[in-house]
Amino acid sequence: MSSYFESYCNITTDLQAVEPVIDSYDVKRELGGWAVTSVAKVYACYDCGHVTKLYRDGEDLGDAEASQPDVRVDGDWYYDSDADVVYLYSTNDPATTHRLEAGRKWSDVKTEAVAHASDFVRSYVSKPIIKRTGTGAQSESLREYDDSIIRATATLACSYLIQPHDMERGAQLRGMVYNPGNPNEPGLLDMVRDGRIPLWNETSTAAGKGIVNAVSMDATTTGTIADVEGMPTVSFDAIKVVIETGGTITKGSTSTVTYSAYVAGSDGLKTTQVVDSEVINCQYQNIGQGMYARFTAGVYVAADEWEVEVRGGKPEAGTGRRTISLRRI
């Protein structure tokens, strides 16, 4: 069988970020009461309960043999589900020499929990969760999904793993992910679903006002785009704003720093020049597509570049606050 769906978080660092001691919940049960059988060095543990993995002194003894007669080498084992007995070939008496435990492979248990959590997240959010792929699309953490989705999946997976051992802690973690019965304390997925936390691909209030990304900045540059305003005249664009002539802008002095701006054309993004070497005056200045940028005073170097992402139309998500996001890509 195969699936088109993927898990939204990993089974190691993402789970540990939520619950640092998550691996301590890999609880196996000890098997005691080993008895000798009619076959030399083959021991039996009767009424042992279902066994899918056998561990001796913490070591995984591998897959079970196909039948009892195949248990012929030290470490070989077989579980007879009809008789509810596990057979083990051991050169030493397991009752006095070794610690035998039954349990599932921990990585498999975590993988299953993350898969179930991902399925739930996908169903609960009930809107497209799209990978952040492509140049400049990934987040600062270089992950392929929104941090809110990764965090929610990892937290929910931890709740699944912890619930059988600590119901209170499991329920606490689950409430951090979804809590539809209490609108005053919504879970992370509740806020994603109702748009208070927008996904990267959604048109938000911030995207409508313009999201500024620093693409390439010289180490000596101290000036930047402080704000953008306007109403986008297109459904989407990634406007390129680049310094043509570098220099220092000082309040009270005439500026010699210039910038150019490029918008999308018929042959791709950032291909059509709409502003050509205009002097920066630190007021709101045209960058195309109905948008205006305000630069700060400071040092600028030729080829410093920003990308202003804008989206027109009705916002799908966001709080409606007047904010500007600034990050380096």
C-alpha atoms as a PDB file:
ATOM      1  CA  MET A   1       0.000   0.000   0.000  1.00  0.00           C
ATOM      2  CA  SER A   2       1.108   3.588  -0.543  1.00  0.00           C
ATOM      3  CA  SER A   3       0.023   7.067   0.430  1.00  0.00           C
ATOM      4  CA  TYR A   4       0.253  10.500  -1.133  1.00  0.00           C
ATOM      5  CA  PHE A   5       0.302  12.086   2.320  1.00  0.00           C
ATOM      6  CA  GLU A   6       3.335  12.901   4.452  1.00  0.00           C
ATOM      7  CA  SER A   7       3.946  13.395   8.142  1.00  0.00           C
ATOM      8  CA  TYR A   8       4.381  17.000   9.221  1.00  0.00           C
ATOM      9  CA  CYS A   9       7.119  16.517  11.843  1.00  0.00           C
ATOM     10  CA  ASN A  10      10.027  14.199  12.566  1.00  0.00           C
ATOM     11  CA  ILE A  11      10.154  11.559  15.309  1.00  0.00           C
ATOM     12  CA  THR A  12      13.223  12.909  17.106  1.00  0.00           C
ATOM     13  CA  THR A  13      13.951  16.597  17.665  1.00  0.00           C
ATOM     14  CA  ASP A  14      10.381  17.792  17.025  1.00  0.00           C
ATOM     15  CA  LEU A  15       8.989  15.477  19.702  1.00  0.00           C
ATOM     16  CA  GLN A  16      11.810  16.314  22.109  1.00  0.00           C
ATOM     17  CA  ALA A  17      11.135  20.036  21.636  1.00  0.00           C
ATOM     18  CA  VAL A  18       7.649  19.421  23.053  1.00  0.00           C
ATOM     19  CA  GLU A  19       8.539  16.813  25.677  1.00  0.00           C
ATOM     20  CA  PRO A  20      12.301  16.622  26.365  1.00  0.00           C
ATOM     21  CA  VAL A  21      11.927  13.252  28.143  1.00  0.00           C
ATOM     22  CA  ILE A  22       9.636  11.698  25.541  1.00  0.00           C
ATOM     23  CA  ASP A  23      11.987   8.725  25.084  1.00  0.00           C
ATOM     24  CA  SER A  24      11.458   7.769  28.716  1.00  0.00           C
ATOM     25  CA  TYR A  25       7.952   6.672  27.720  1.00  0.00           C
ATOM     26  CA  ASP A  26       9.415   3.732  25.793  1.00  0.00           C
ATOM     27  CA  VAL A  27       8.186   1.409  28.518  1.00  0.00           C
ATOM     28  CA  LYS A  28       8.633  -2.322  27.914  1.00  0.00           C
ATOM     29  CA  ARG A  29       7.270  -5.074  30.129  1.00  0.00           C
ATOM     30  CA  GLU A  30       9.555  -7.624  31.712  1.00  0.00           C
ATOM     31  CA  LEU A  31       8.972 -11.301  31.030  1.00  0.00           C
ATOM     32  CA  GLY A  32       9.648 -13.611  33.964  1.00  0.00           C
ATOM     33  CA  GLY A  33       9.059 -17.215  34.881  1.00  0.00           C
ATOM     34  CA  TRP A  34      11.246 -18.786  32.196  1.00  0.00           C
ATOM     35  CA  ALA A  35      11.126 -22.571  32.232  1.00  0.00           C
ATOM     36  CA  VAL A  36      13.262 -25.252  30.609  1.00  0.00           C
ATOM     37  CA  THR A  37      11.773 -27.276  27.761  1.00  0.00           C
ATOM     38  CA  SER A  38      12.502 -30.714  26.316  1.00  0.00           C
ATOM     39  CA  VAL A  39      14.883 -29.077  23.849  1.00  0.00           C
ATOM     40  CA  ALA A  40      18.312 -28.188  25.238  1.00  0.00           C
ATOM     41  CA  LYS A  41      18.937 -24.453  25.718  1.00  0.00           C
ATOM     42  CA  VAL A  42      15.408 -23.591  24.591  1.00  0.00           C
ATOM     43  CA  TYR A  43      13.402 -21.851  27.316  1.00  0.00           C
ATOM     44  CA  ALA A  44       9.714 -20.975  27.432  1.00  0.00           C
ATOM     45  CA  CYS A  45       7.745 -18.169  29.041  1.00  0.00           C
ATOM     46  CA  TYR A  46       4.116 -19.230  29.339  1.00  0.00           C
ATOM     47  CA  ASP A  47       1.057 -16.962  29.541  1.00  0.00           C
ATOM     48  CA  CYS A  48       3.277 -14.071  28.463  1.00  0.00           C
ATOM     49  CA  GLY A  49       0.826 -11.959  26.487  1.00  0.00           C
ATOM     50  CA  HIS A  50       1.261 -10.844  22.894  1.00  0.00           C
ATOM     51  CA  VAL A  51       4.927 -10.424  21.904  1.00  0.00           C
ATOM     52  CA  THR A  52       5.963  -8.646  18.701  1.00  0.00           C
ATOM     53  CA  LYS A  53       9.526  -7.762  19.750  1.00  0.00           C
ATOM     54  CA  LEU A  54      11.822  -9.436  22.277  1.00  0.00           C
ATOM     55  CA  TYR A  55      14.673  -7.626  24.020  1.00  0.00           C
ATOM     56  CA  ARG A  56      17.471  -9.248  26.005  1.00  0.00           C
ATOM     57  CA  ASP A  57      19.362  -6.898  28.292  1.00  0.00           C
ATOM     58  CA  GLY A  58      18.073  -4.041  26.129  1.00  0.00           C
ATOM     59  CA  GLU A  59      19.199  -5.619  22.845  1.00  0.00           C
ATOM     60  CA  ASP A  60      16.619  -6.123  20.111  1.00  0.00           C
ATOM     61  CA  LEU A  61      16.768  -9.824  19.222  1.00  0.00           C
ATOM     62  CA  GLY A  62      15.372  -9.144  15.772  1.00  0.00           C
ATOM     63  CA  ASP A  63      12.384 -10.709  14.075  1.00  0.00           C
ATOM     64  CA  ALA A  64      10.803 -13.875  15.394  1.00  0.00           C
ATOM     65  CA  GLU A  65      11.555 -17.184  13.720  1.00  0.00           C
ATOM     66  CA  ALA A  66       8.924 -18.788  11.520  1.00  0.00           C
ATOM     67  CA  SER A  67       8.227 -21.667  13.916  1.00  0.00           C
ATOM     68  CA  GLN A  68       9.363 -23.251  17.181  1.00  0.00           C
ATOM     69  CA  PRO A  69      11.714 -25.779  15.507  1.00  0.00           C
ATOM     70  CA  ASP A  70      13.569 -22.850  13.908  1.00  0.00           C
ATOM     71  CA  VAL A  71      14.703 -21.649  17.354  1.00  0.00           C
ATOM     72  CA  ARG A  72      18.195 -23.184  17.141  1.00  0.00           C
ATOM     73  CA  VAL A  73      20.807 -20.447  17.712  1.00  0.00           C
ATOM     74  CA  ASP A  74      21.454 -18.179  20.696  1.00  0.00           C
ATOM     75  CA  GLY A  75      19.038 -15.263  20.483  1.00  0.00           C
ATOM     76  CA  ASP A  76      16.499 -17.030  18.254  1.00  0.00           C
ATOM     77  CA  TRP A  77      12.935 -16.696  19.498  1.00  0.00           C
ATOM     78  CA  TYR A  78       9.378 -17.534  18.474  1.00  0.00           C
ATOM     79  CA  TYR A  79       5.989 -16.511  19.830  1.00  0.00           C
ATOM     80  CA  ASP A  80       3.152 -19.020  19.629  1.00  0.00           C
ATOM     81  CA  SER A  81       0.025 -16.885  19.696  1.00  0.00           C
ATOM     82  CA  ASP A  82      -2.336 -19.844  20.038  1.00  0.00           C
ATOM     83  CA  ALA A  83      -0.581 -21.174  23.132  1.00  0.00           C
ATOM     84  CA  ASP A  84       0.463 -17.706  24.331  1.00  0.00           C
ATOM     85  CA  VAL A  85       4.049 -18.759  24.918  1.00  0.00           C
ATOM     86  CA  VAL A  86       7.377 -17.354  23.740  1.00  0.00           C
ATOM     87  CA  TYR A  87      10.351 -19.649  23.133  1.00  0.00           C
ATOM     88  CA  LEU A  88      13.954 -18.476  23.375  1.00  0.00           C
ATOM     89  CA  TYR A  89      17.237 -20.190  22.599  1.00  0.00           C
ATOM     90  CA  SER A  90      19.756 -19.018  25.198  1.00  0.00           C
ATOM     91  CA  THR A  91      23.177 -20.353  26.122  1.00  0.00           C
ATOM     92  CA  ASN A  92      22.551 -19.058  29.644  1.00  0.00           C
ATOM     93  CA  ASP A  93      19.489 -19.468  31.815  1.00  0.00           C
ATOM     94  CA  PRO A  94      17.392 -16.296  31.128  1.00  0.00           C
ATOM     95  CA  ALA A  95      15.751 -16.580  34.530  1.00  0.00           C
ATOM     96  CA  THR A  96      19.055 -15.920  36.332  1.00  0.00           C
ATOM     97  CA  THR A  97      21.389 -14.335  33.776  1.00  0.00           C
ATOM     98  CA  HIS A  98      19.401 -11.980  31.558  1.00  0.00           C
ATOM     99  CA  ARG A  99      16.597  -9.433  31.635  1.00  0.00           C
ATOM    100  CA  LEU A 100      13.981 -10.275  28.973  1.00  0.00           C
ATOM    101  CA  GLU A 101      11.426  -7.687  27.910  1.00  0.00           C
ATOM    102  CA  ALA A 102       8.599  -7.554  25.400  1.00  0.00           C
ATOM    103  CA  GLY A 103       7.643  -4.405  23.539  1.00  0.00           C
ATOM    104  CA  ARG A 104       7.469  -2.665  20.206  1.00  0.00           C
ATOM    105  CA  LYS A 105      10.346  -0.979  18.433  1.00  0.00           C
ATOM    106  CA  TRP A 106      10.310   2.590  19.794  1.00  0.00           C
ATOM    107  CA  SER A 107      11.017   4.245  16.446  1.00  0.00           C
ATOM    108  CA  ASP A 108       8.049   2.388  14.952  1.00  0.00           C
ATOM    109  CA  VAL A 109       5.814   3.499  17.815  1.00  0.00           C
ATOM    110  CA  LYS A 110       6.846   7.142  17.346  1.00  0.00           C
ATOM    111  CA  THR A 111       6.444   6.955  13.574  1.00  0.00           C
ATOM    112  CA  GLU A 112       2.931   5.589  14.002  1.00  0.00           C
ATOM    113  CA  ALA A 113       2.029   8.318  16.516  1.00  0.00           C
ATOM    114  CA  VAL A 114       3.285  11.056  14.182  1.00  0.00           C
ATOM    115  CA  ALA A 115       1.380   9.539  11.256  1.00  0.00           C
ATOM    116  CA  HIS A 116      -1.866   9.459  13.255  1.00  0.00           C
ATOM    117  CA  ALA A 117      -1.265  13.017  14.477  1.00  0.00           C
ATOM    118  CA  SER A 118      -0.633  14.214  10.912  1.00  0.00           C
ATOM    119  CA  ASP A 119      -3.888  12.638   9.745  1.00  0.00           C
ATOM    120  CA  PHE A 120      -5.775  14.379  12.534  1.00  0.00           C
ATOM    121  CA  VAL A 121      -4.154  17.756  11.817  1.00  0.00           C
ATOM    122  CA  ARG A 122      -5.008  17.403   8.137  1.00  0.00           C
ATOM    123  CA  SER A 123      -8.659  16.631   8.932  1.00  0.00           C
ATOM    124  CA  TYR A 124      -9.092  19.171  11.732  1.00  0.00           C
ATOM    125  CA  VAL A 125      -7.612  22.146   9.889  1.00  0.00           C
ATOM    126  CA  SER A 126      -9.815  21.307   6.912  1.00  0.00           C
ATOM    127  CA  LYS A 127      -7.923  23.462   4.414  1.00  0.00           C
ATOM    128  CA  PRO A 128      -4.872  22.925   2.218  1.00  0.00           C
ATOM    129  CA  ILE A 129      -1.588  22.429   4.062  1.00  0.00           C
ATOM    130  CA  ILE A 130       0.991  23.047   1.365  1.00  0.00           C
ATOM    131  CA  LYS A 131       4.718  22.387   1.472  1.00  0.00           C
ATOM    132  CA  ARG A 132       7.025  25.384   1.607  1.00  0.00           C
ATOM    133  CA  THR A 133       9.135  24.437  -1.393  1.00  0.00           C
ATOM    134  CA  GLY A 134      10.902  26.634  -3.896  1.00  0.00           C
ATOM    135  CA  THR A 135      13.601  29.286  -3.603  1.00  0.00           C
ATOM    136  CA  GLY A 136      12.941  31.566  -0.645  1.00  0.00           C
ATOM    137  CA  ALA A 137       9.742  29.736   0.325  1.00  0.00           C
ATOM    138  CA  GLN A 138      11.058  27.890   3.361  1.00  0.00           C
ATOM    139  CA  SER A 139      10.881  29.436   6.802  1.00  0.00           C
ATOM    140  CA  GLU A 140      13.843  30.659   8.862  1.00  0.00           C
ATOM    141  CA  SER A 141      14.151  27.133  10.291  1.00  0.00           C
ATOM    142  CA  LEU A 142      14.406  25.744   6.720  1.00  0.00           C
ATOM    143  CA  ARG A 143      11.434  23.433   7.238  1.00  0.00           C
ATOM    144  CA  GLU A 144       8.958  22.451   4.549  1.00  0.00           C
ATOM    145  CA  TYR A 145       5.828  23.111   6.609  1.00  0.00           C
ATOM    146  CA  ASP A 146       4.669  26.019   8.752  1.00  0.00           C
ATOM    147  CA  ASP A 147       6.016  25.946  12.289  1.00  0.00           C
ATOM    148  CA  SER A 148       2.449  25.987  13.620  1.00  0.00           C
ATOM    149  CA  ILE A 149       1.706  22.746  11.749  1.00  0.00           C
ATOM    150  CA  ILE A 150       4.971  21.100  12.816  1.00  0.00           C
ATOM    151  CA  ARG A 151       4.459  22.096  16.435  1.00  0.00           C
ATOM    152  CA  ALA A 152       0.823  20.992  16.530  1.00  0.00           C
ATOM    153  CA  THR A 153       1.662  17.600  15.009  1.00  0.00           C
ATOM    154  CA  ALA A 154       4.567  16.987  17.379  1.00  0.00           C
ATOM    155  CA  THR A 155       2.513  18.014  20.425  1.00  0.00           C
ATOM    156  CA  LEU A 156      -0.385  15.781  19.443  1.00  0.00           C
ATOM    157  CA  ALA A 157       1.954  12.844  18.745  1.00  0.00           C
ATOM    158  CA  CYS A 158       3.487  13.299  22.207  1.00  0.00           C
ATOM    159  CA  SER A 159       0.019  13.244  23.749  1.00  0.00           C
ATOM    160  CA  TYR A 160      -0.646   9.893  22.058  1.00  0.00           C
ATOM    161  CA  LEU A 161       2.624   8.455  23.374  1.00  0.00           C
ATOM    162  CA  ILE A 162       2.170   9.785  26.907  1.00  0.00           C
ATOM    163  CA  GLN A 163      -1.585   9.184  27.368  1.00  0.00           C
ATOM    164  CA  PRO A 164      -1.332   5.468  28.339  1.00  0.00           C
ATOM    165  CA  HIS A 165       1.157   6.297  31.115  1.00  0.00           C
ATOM    166  CA  ASP A 166       0.037   9.770  32.254  1.00  0.00           C
ATOM    167  CA  MET A 167      -3.517  10.671  31.304  1.00  0.00           C
ATOM    168  CA  GLU A 168      -3.338  14.165  32.816  1.00  0.00           C
ATOM    169  CA  ARG A 169      -0.211  15.168  30.897  1.00  0.00           C
ATOM    170  CA  GLY A 170      -1.558  13.596  27.697  1.00  0.00           C
ATOM    171  CA  ALA A 171      -4.782  15.582  27.996  1.00  0.00           C
ATOM    172  CA  GLN A 172      -2.841  18.771  28.732  1.00  0.00           C
ATOM    173  CA  LEU A 173      -0.812  18.395  25.549  1.00  0.00           C
ATOM    174  CA  ARG A 174      -3.926  17.595  23.518  1.00  0.00           C
ATOM    175  CA  GLY A 175      -5.589  20.771  24.803  1.00  0.00           C
ATOM    176  CA  MET A 176      -2.636  22.788  23.550  1.00  0.00           C
ATOM    177  CA  VAL A 177      -3.395  21.528  20.034  1.00  0.00           C
ATOM    178  CA  TYR A 178      -7.176  21.735  19.874  1.00  0.00           C
ATOM    179  CA  ASN A 179      -9.697  22.961  22.403  1.00  0.00           C
ATOM    180  CA  PRO A 180     -12.940  23.710  20.534  1.00  0.00           C
ATOM    181  CA  GLY A 181     -15.044  23.770  23.686  1.00  0.00           C
ATOM    182  CA  ASN A 182     -13.225  26.788  25.122  1.00  0.00           C
ATOM    183  CA  PRO A 183     -12.973  29.741  22.702  1.00  0.00           C
ATOM    184  CA  ASN A 184     -11.156  31.774  25.369  1.00  0.00           C
ATOM    185  CA  GLU A 185      -8.260  29.292  25.384  1.00  0.00           C
ATOM    186  CA  PRO A 186      -8.076  27.987  21.811  1.00  0.00           C
ATOM    187  CA  GLY A 187      -5.587  25.370  20.768  1.00  0.00           C
ATOM    188  CA  LEU A 188      -2.955  25.928  18.111  1.00  0.00           C
ATOM    189  CA  LEU A 189      -5.014  24.211  15.426  1.00  0.00           C
ATOM    190  CA  ASP A 190      -8.115  26.183  16.398  1.00  0.00           C
ATOM    191  CA  MET A 191      -6.209  29.384  15.622  1.00  0.00           C
ATOM    192  CA  VAL A 192      -4.893  27.978  12.337  1.00  0.00           C
ATOM    193  CA  ARG A 193      -8.351  26.845  11.305  1.00  0.00           C
ATOM    194  CA  ASP A 194     -10.078  30.159  12.013  1.00  0.00           C
ATOM    195  CA  GLY A 195      -7.291  32.206  10.430  1.00  0.00           C
ATOM    196  CA  ARG A 196      -5.773  33.836  13.493  1.00  0.00           C
ATOM    197  CA  ILE A 197      -2.535  32.082  12.578  1.00  0.00           C
ATOM    198  CA  PRO A 198      -2.226  32.241   8.775  1.00  0.00           C
ATOM    199  CA  LEU A 199      -0.426  29.555   6.821  1.00  0.00           C
ATOM    200  CA  TRP A 200       2.379  30.716   4.574  1.00  0.00           C
ATOM    201  CA  ASN A 201       0.336  30.361   1.381  1.00  0.00           C
ATOM    202  CA  GLU A 202      -2.758  32.180   2.645  1.00  0.00           C
ATOM    203  CA  THR A 203      -3.629  35.761   1.798  1.00  0.00           C
ATOM    204  CA  SER A 204      -3.467  37.579   5.117  1.00  0.00           C
ATOM    205  CA  THR A 205      -3.850  41.186   6.160  1.00  0.00           C
ATOM    206  CA  ALA A 206      -0.054  41.407   6.436  1.00  0.00           C
ATOM    207  CA  ALA A 207       0.419  40.032   2.921  1.00  0.00           C
ATOM    208  CA  GLY A 208      -2.112  42.537   1.612  1.00  0.00           C
ATOM    209  CA  LYS A 209      -0.049  45.344   3.142  1.00  0.00           C
ATOM    210  CA  GLY A 210       3.245  43.861   1.970  1.00  0.00           C
ATOM    211  CA  ILE A 211       5.739  41.446   3.540  1.00  0.00           C
ATOM    212  CA  VAL A 212       9.341  42.619   3.226  1.00  0.00           C
ATOM    213  CA  ASN A 213      12.089  40.022   2.867  1.00  0.00           C
ATOM    214  CA  ALA A 214      15.771  40.961   2.871  1.00  0.00           C
ATOM    215  CA  VAL A 215      17.234  39.057  -0.083  1.00  0.00           C
ATOM    216  CA  SER A 216      20.832  40.301  -0.190  1.00  0.00           C
ATOM    217  CA  MET A 217      22.369  42.814   2.203  1.00  0.00           C
ATOM    218  CA  ASP A 218      25.951  43.999   2.563  1.00  0.00           C
ATOM    219  CA  ALA A 219      27.485  43.544   6.008  1.00  0.00           C
ATOM    220  CA  THR A 220      27.953  47.312   6.324  1.00  0.00           C
ATOM    221  CA  THR A 221      24.380  48.215   5.395  1.00  0.00           C
ATOM    222  CA  THR A 222      22.392  49.854   8.187  1.00  0.00           C
ATOM    223  CA  GLY A 223      19.411  51.292   6.275  1.00  0.00           C
ATOM    224  CA  THR A 224      16.375  49.264   5.295  1.00  0.00           C
ATOM    225  CA  ILE A 225      12.760  49.371   4.157  1.00  0.00           C
ATOM    226  CA  ALA A 226      10.915  50.297   7.339  1.00  0.00           C
ATOM    227  CA  ASP A 227       7.344  50.133   6.063  1.00  0.00           C
ATOM    228  CA  VAL A 228       5.169  49.626   3.005  1.00  0.00           C
ATOM    229  CA  GLU A 229       1.668  50.830   2.305  1.00  0.00           C
ATOM    230  CA  GLY A 230      -0.868  50.888  -0.486  1.00  0.00           C
ATOM    231  CA  MET A 231      -3.473  48.584  -2.024  1.00  0.00           C
ATOM    232  CA  PRO A 232      -2.103  45.862  -4.301  1.00  0.00           C
ATOM    233  CA  THR A 233      -3.441  46.081  -7.837  1.00  0.00           C
ATOM    234  CA  VAL A 234      -2.593  42.412  -8.526  1.00  0.00           C
ATOM    235  CA  SER A 235      -3.576  39.125  -6.925  1.00  0.00           C
ATOM    236  CA  PHE A 236       0.091  38.309  -6.247  1.00  0.00           C
ATOM    237  CA  ASP A 237       3.554  39.682  -6.909  1.00  0.00           C
ATOM    238  CA  ALA A 238       7.056  39.581  -5.447  1.00  0.00           C
ATOM    239  CA  ILE A 239       8.401  43.077  -6.100  1.00  0.00           C
ATOM    240  CA  LYS A 240      12.165  43.448  -6.352  1.00  0.00           C
ATOM    241  CA  VAL A 241      13.609  46.598  -4.777  1.00  0.00           C
ATOM    242  CA  VAL A 242      17.351  47.070  -5.314  1.00  0.00           C
ATOM    243  CA  ILE A 243      19.868  49.800  -4.485  1.00  0.00           C
ATOM    244  CA  GLU A 244      21.485  51.193  -7.624  1.00  0.00           C
ATOM    245  CA  THR A 245      23.786  53.840  -6.099  1.00  0.00           C
ATOM    246  CA  GLY A 246      25.038  53.288  -2.569  1.00  0.00           C
ATOM    247  CA  GLY A 247      25.864  55.895   0.033  1.00  0.00           C
ATOM    248  CA  THR A 248      24.829  57.295   3.376  1.00  0.00           C
ATOM    249  CA  ILE A 249      21.481  58.954   4.012  1.00  0.00           C
ATOM    250  CA  THR A 250      21.597  61.472   6.844  1.00  0.00           C
ATOM    251  CA  LYS A 251      18.639  63.445   8.129  1.00  0.00           C
ATOM    252  CA  GLY A 252      19.045  67.084   7.162  1.00  0.00           C
ATOM    253  CA  SER A 253      21.295  66.296   4.191  1.00  0.00           C
ATOM    254  CA  THR A 254      20.526  65.690   0.525  1.00  0.00           C
ATOM    255  CA  SER A 255      20.379  62.007  -0.384  1.00  0.00           C
ATOM    256  CA  THR A 256      22.380  60.563  -3.261  1.00  0.00           C
ATOM    257  CA  VAL A 257      21.263  56.959  -2.757  1.00  0.00           C
ATOM    258  CA  THR A 258      19.041  55.593  -5.528  1.00  0.00           C
ATOM    259  CA  TYR A 259      16.841  52.535  -5.924  1.00  0.00           C
ATOM    260  CA  SER A 260      15.037  50.682  -8.703  1.00  0.00           C
ATOM    261  CA  ALA A 261      11.981  48.414  -8.582  1.00  0.00           C
ATOM    262  CA  TYR A 262      10.899  45.473 -10.718  1.00  0.00           C
ATOM    263  CA  VAL A 263       7.500  43.760 -10.885  1.00  0.00           C
ATOM    264  CA  ALA A 264       6.188  40.670 -12.610  1.00  0.00           C
ATOM    265  CA  GLY A 265       5.899  40.608 -16.364  1.00  0.00           C
ATOM    266  CA  SER A 266       4.521  38.154 -18.868  1.00  0.00           C
ATOM    267  CA  ASP A 267       7.730  36.137 -18.696  1.00  0.00           C
ATOM    268  CA  GLY A 268       8.120  35.878 -14.916  1.00  0.00           C
ATOM    269  CA  LEU A 269       8.552  37.613 -11.570  1.00  0.00           C
ATOM    270  CA  LYS A 270      10.838  40.659 -11.150  1.00  0.00           C
ATOM    271  CA  THR A 271      11.295  41.106 -14.903  1.00  0.00           C
ATOM    272  CA  THR A 272       9.623  44.464 -15.588  1.00  0.00           C
ATOM    273  CA  GLN A 273      11.296  47.639 -14.324  1.00  0.00           C
ATOM    274  CA  VAL A 274       8.842  50.222 -13.025  1.00  0.00           C
ATOM    275  CA  VAL A 275      11.227  52.484 -11.096  1.00  0.00           C
ATOM    276  CA  ASP A 276      14.611  53.444 -12.507  1.00  0.00           C
ATOM    277  CA  SER A 277      17.288  54.868 -10.185  1.00  0.00           C
ATOM    278  CA  GLU A 278      15.016  57.124  -8.138  1.00  0.00           C
ATOM    279  CA  VAL A 279      16.632  59.094  -5.295  1.00  0.00           C
ATOM    280  CA  ILE A 280      15.595  57.833  -1.847  1.00  0.00           C
ATOM    281  CA  ASN A 281      13.985  60.611   0.209  1.00  0.00           C
ATOM    282  CA  CYS A 282      12.857  58.483   3.193  1.00  0.00           C
ATOM    283  CA  GLN A 283       9.192  59.183   2.456  1.00  0.00           C
ATOM    284  CA  TYR A 284       6.724  56.710   0.934  1.00  0.00           C
ATOM    285  CA  GLN A 285       7.963  56.094  -2.604  1.00  0.00           C
ATOM    286  CA  ASN A 286       6.529  54.072  -5.476  1.00  0.00           C
ATOM    287  CA  ILE A 287       7.681  50.465  -5.937  1.00  0.00           C
ATOM    288  CA  GLY A 288       4.922  49.389  -8.337  1.00  0.00           C
ATOM    289  CA  GLN A 289       1.641  47.456  -8.210  1.00  0.00           C
ATOM    290  CA  GLY A 290       0.003  50.220  -6.160  1.00  0.00           C
ATOM    291  CA  MET A 291       2.543  49.861  -3.342  1.00  0.00           C
ATOM    292  CA  TYR A 292       4.859  52.399  -1.699  1.00  0.00           C
ATOM    293  CA  ALA A 293       7.946  51.799   0.467  1.00  0.00           C
ATOM    294  CA  ARG A 294       9.582  53.990   3.112  1.00  0.00           C
ATOM    295  CA  PHE A 295      13.325  53.698   3.560  1.00  0.00           C
ATOM    296  CA  THR A 296      15.183  54.667   6.734  1.00  0.00           C
ATOM    297  CA  ALA A 297      18.268  56.839   7.059  1.00  0.00           C
ATOM    298  CA  GLY A 298      21.515  54.889   7.150  1.00  0.00           C
ATOM    299  CA  VAL A 299      24.204  53.289   5.007  1.00  0.00           C
ATOM    300  CA  TYR A 300      23.253  51.565   1.747  1.00  0.00           C
ATOM    301  CA  VAL A 301      25.463  49.565  -0.596  1.00  0.00           C
ATOM    302  CA  ALA A 302      24.852  49.032  -4.315  1.00  0.00           C
ATOM    303  CA  ALA A 303      23.065  45.708  -4.990  1.00  0.00           C
ATOM    304  CA  ASP A 304      21.338  45.606  -1.579  1.00  0.00           C
ATOM    305  CA  GLU A 305      18.042  43.913  -2.423  1.00  0.00           C
ATOM    306  CA  TRP A 306      14.614  43.390  -0.854  1.00  0.00           C
ATOM    307  CA  GLU A 307      11.569  41.453  -1.961  1.00  0.00           C
ATOM    308  CA  VAL A 308       8.144  42.842  -1.150  1.00  0.00           C
ATOM    309  CA  GLU A 309       5.501  40.135  -1.363  1.00  0.00           C
ATOM    310  CA  VAL A 310       1.997  41.454  -1.942  1.00  0.00           C
ATOM    311  CA  ARG A 311      -1.357  39.757  -2.398  1.00  0.00           C
ATOM    312  CA  GLY A 312      -4.565  41.422  -3.458  1.00  0.00           C
ATOM    313  CA  GLY A 313      -8.101  40.294  -2.792  1.00  0.00           C
ATOM    314  CA  LYS A 314      -9.941  39.466   0.401  1.00  0.00           C
ATOM    315  CA  PRO A 315      -7.711  38.230   3.249  1.00  0.00           C
ATOM    316  CA  GLU A 316      -8.117  34.522   4.072  1.00  0.00           C
ATOM    317  CA  ALA A 317      -6.412  34.827   7.435  1.00  0.00           C
ATOM    318  CA  GLY A 318      -4.841  37.265   9.862  1.00  0.00           C
ATOM    319  CA  THR A 319      -5.779  39.545  12.698  1.00  0.00           C
ATOM    320  CA  GLY A 320      -6.291  42.730  10.759  1.00  0.00           C
ATOM    321  CA  ARG A 321      -3.607  44.602  12.703  1.00  0.00           C
ATOM    322  CA  ARG A 322      -1.390  46.994  10.760  1.00  0.00           C
ATOM    323  CA  THR A 323       1.947  45.189  10.870  1.00  0.00           C
ATOM    324  CA  ILE A 324       4.926  44.550   8.664  1.00  0.00           C
ATOM    325  CA  SER A 325       6.982  41.345   8.711  1.00  0.00           C
ATOM    326  CA  LEU A 326      10.693  41.578   7.978  1.00  0.00           C
ATOM    327  CA  ARG A 327      12.957  38.578   7.470  1.00  0.00           C
ATOM    328  CA  ARG A 328      16.108  37.604   5.569  1.00  0.00           C
ATOM    329  CA  ILE A 329      15.964  35.009   2.774  1.00  0.00           C
END
